[in-house]
C-alpha atoms as a PDB file:
ATOM      1  CA  MET A   1      27.111  23.572 -12.571  1.00  0.00           C
ATOM      2  CA  ALA A   2      28.958  26.664 -11.517  1.00  0.00           C
ATOM      3  CA  ALA A   3      26.195  27.967  -9.221  1.00  0.00           C
ATOM      4  CA  TRP A   4      26.194  24.825  -7.078  1.00  0.00           C
ATOM      5  CA  GLY A   5      30.007  24.662  -7.282  1.00  0.00           C
ATOM      6  CA  ALA A   6      30.187  28.161  -5.804  1.00  0.00           C
ATOM      7  CA  ALA A   7      28.152  26.809  -2.883  1.00  0.00           C
ATOM      8  CA  GLY A   8      30.698  24.022  -2.371  1.00  0.00           C
ATOM      9  CA  VAL A   9      28.622  21.246  -3.976  1.00  0.00           C
ATOM     10  CA  ARG A  10      30.407  19.148  -6.590  1.00  0.00           C
ATOM     11  CA  LEU A  11      28.273  17.858  -9.445  1.00  0.00           C
ATOM     12  CA  ALA A  12      29.098  15.564 -12.331  1.00  0.00           C
ATOM     13  CA  HIS A  13      29.612  17.387 -15.638  1.00  0.00           C
ATOM     14  CA  PHE A  14      27.089  15.353 -17.667  1.00  0.00           C
ATOM     15  CA  SER A  15      23.379  15.908 -16.952  1.00  0.00           C
ATOM     16  CA  GLY A  16      22.577  12.180 -17.052  1.00  0.00           C
ATOM     17  CA  ALA A  17      25.238  11.481 -14.410  1.00  0.00           C
ATOM     18  CA  GLN A  18      23.842  14.288 -12.266  1.00  0.00           C
ATOM     19  CA  TYR A  19      20.358  12.830 -12.489  1.00  0.00           C
ATOM     20  CA  ARG A  20      21.544   9.323 -11.588  1.00  0.00           C
ATOM     21  CA  SER A  21      23.658  10.466  -8.633  1.00  0.00           C
ATOM     22  CA  LEU A  22      21.338  12.964  -6.902  1.00  0.00           C
ATOM     23  CA  PRO A  23      18.270  12.363  -4.738  1.00  0.00           C
ATOM     24  CA  HIS A  24      15.136  12.723  -6.865  1.00  0.00           C
ATOM     25  CA  ILE A  25      12.218  14.854  -5.729  1.00  0.00           C
ATOM     26  CA  PRO A  26       8.642  15.076  -7.033  1.00  0.00           C
ATOM     27  CA  LEU A  27       7.982  17.997  -9.359  1.00  0.00           C
ATOM     28  CA  SER A  28       5.240  19.084  -6.957  1.00  0.00           C
ATOM     29  CA  ALA A  29       7.946  19.695  -4.318  1.00  0.00           C
ATOM     30  CA  LEU A  30      10.234  21.935  -6.406  1.00  0.00           C
ATOM     31  CA  GLN A  31      12.060  24.720  -4.600  1.00  0.00           C
ATOM     32  CA  PRO A  32      14.325  27.414  -6.051  1.00  0.00           C
ATOM     33  CA  GLY A  33      17.771  25.940  -6.662  1.00  0.00           C
ATOM     34  CA  ASP A  34      16.516  22.447  -7.502  1.00  0.00           C
ATOM     35  CA  LEU A  35      17.719  20.935 -10.762  1.00  0.00           C
ATOM     36  CA  VAL A  36      15.222  19.945 -13.451  1.00  0.00           C
ATOM     37  CA  PHE A  37      16.058  17.489 -16.225  1.00  0.00           C
ATOM     38  CA  ARG A  38      14.899  16.809 -19.777  1.00  0.00           C
ATOM     39  CA  GLY A  39      15.383  13.749 -21.962  1.00  0.00           C
ATOM     40  CA  SER A  40      15.662  10.047 -21.300  1.00  0.00           C
ATOM     41  CA  ASN A  41      17.171   9.526 -17.825  1.00  0.00           C
ATOM     42  CA  GLY A  42      17.888  13.259 -17.610  1.00  0.00           C
ATOM     43  CA  SER A  43      20.470  12.997 -20.361  1.00  0.00           C
ATOM     44  CA  ALA A  44      19.367  15.821 -22.667  1.00  0.00           C
ATOM     45  CA  HIS A  45      19.559  18.927 -20.480  1.00  0.00           C
ATOM     46  CA  VAL A  46      19.635  20.205 -16.912  1.00  0.00           C
ATOM     47  CA  ALA A  47      18.521  23.630 -15.662  1.00  0.00           C
ATOM     48  CA  ILE A  48      18.051  25.371 -12.315  1.00  0.00           C
ATOM     49  CA  TYR A  49      14.511  25.975 -11.070  1.00  0.00           C
ATOM     50  CA  ILE A  50      13.972  29.533  -9.785  1.00  0.00           C
ATOM     51  CA  GLY A  51      10.279  29.366  -8.845  1.00  0.00           C
ATOM     52  CA  GLY A  52       6.989  30.237 -10.472  1.00  0.00           C
ATOM     53  CA  GLY A  53       7.472  27.650 -13.215  1.00  0.00           C
ATOM     54  CA  LEU A  54      10.687  29.338 -14.412  1.00  0.00           C
ATOM     55  CA  ILE A  55      14.225  28.038 -14.894  1.00  0.00           C
ATOM     56  CA  ILE A  56      17.681  29.428 -15.529  1.00  0.00           C
ATOM     57  CA  THR A  57      19.061  27.627 -18.553  1.00  0.00           C
ATOM     58  CA  ALA A  58      22.064  27.694 -20.859  1.00  0.00           C
ATOM     59  CA  PRO A  59      20.429  26.121 -23.916  1.00  0.00           C
ATOM     60  CA  GLN A  60      23.536  25.371 -25.976  1.00  0.00           C
ATOM     61  CA  THR A  61      27.248  26.070 -26.172  1.00  0.00           C
ATOM     62  CA  GLY A  62      27.855  29.681 -27.148  1.00  0.00           C
ATOM     63  CA  ASP A  63      24.350  30.828 -26.233  1.00  0.00           C
ATOM     64  CA  VAL A  64      23.648  33.155 -23.316  1.00  0.00           C
ATOM     65  CA  VAL A  65      22.090  32.051 -20.035  1.00  0.00           C
ATOM     66  CA  LYS A  66      18.344  32.690 -20.096  1.00  0.00           C
ATOM     67  CA  ILE A  67      15.295  32.657 -17.874  1.00  0.00           C
ATOM     68  CA  ALA A  68      12.640  30.475 -19.501  1.00  0.00           C
ATOM     69  CA  SER A  69       9.460  28.570 -18.772  1.00  0.00           C
ATOM     70  CA  MET A  70      10.147  25.177 -17.217  1.00  0.00           C
ATOM     71  CA  GLY A  71       8.087  23.401 -19.874  1.00  0.00           C
ATOM     72  CA  ASN A  72       8.156  19.609 -19.990  1.00  0.00           C
ATOM     73  CA  VAL A  73      10.725  18.073 -17.689  1.00  0.00           C
ATOM     74  CA  MET A  74      11.186  14.391 -16.886  1.00  0.00           C
ATOM     75  CA  GLY A  75      12.404  14.753 -13.327  1.00  0.00           C
ATOM     76  CA  ALA A  76      14.031  16.855 -10.641  1.00  0.00           C
ATOM     77  CA  ALA A  77      16.754  16.527  -8.037  1.00  0.00           C
ATOM     78  CA  ARG A  78      17.965  18.489  -5.043  1.00  0.00           C
ATOM     79  CA  PRO A  79      21.760  18.760  -4.618  1.00  0.00           C
ATOM     80  CA  GLY A  80      23.307  19.323  -1.256  1.00  0.00           C
END
């Protein structure tokens, strides 16, 4: 993810690999900047939590980056 890359943190390209390689945190402990994952083992999608139940997400190739409700996520991780 470019945002974490700009901060000097290297992340795997695939969301499932990110989920497997990062320290997991409980959803109740989310802080802005944490990554939230959807799908089995985090493989479907990853987004950045910005607080207040909202995420920054790029839903699909060619779509614009959006702010959206976090909705149902299967887990979270904190890079760094």
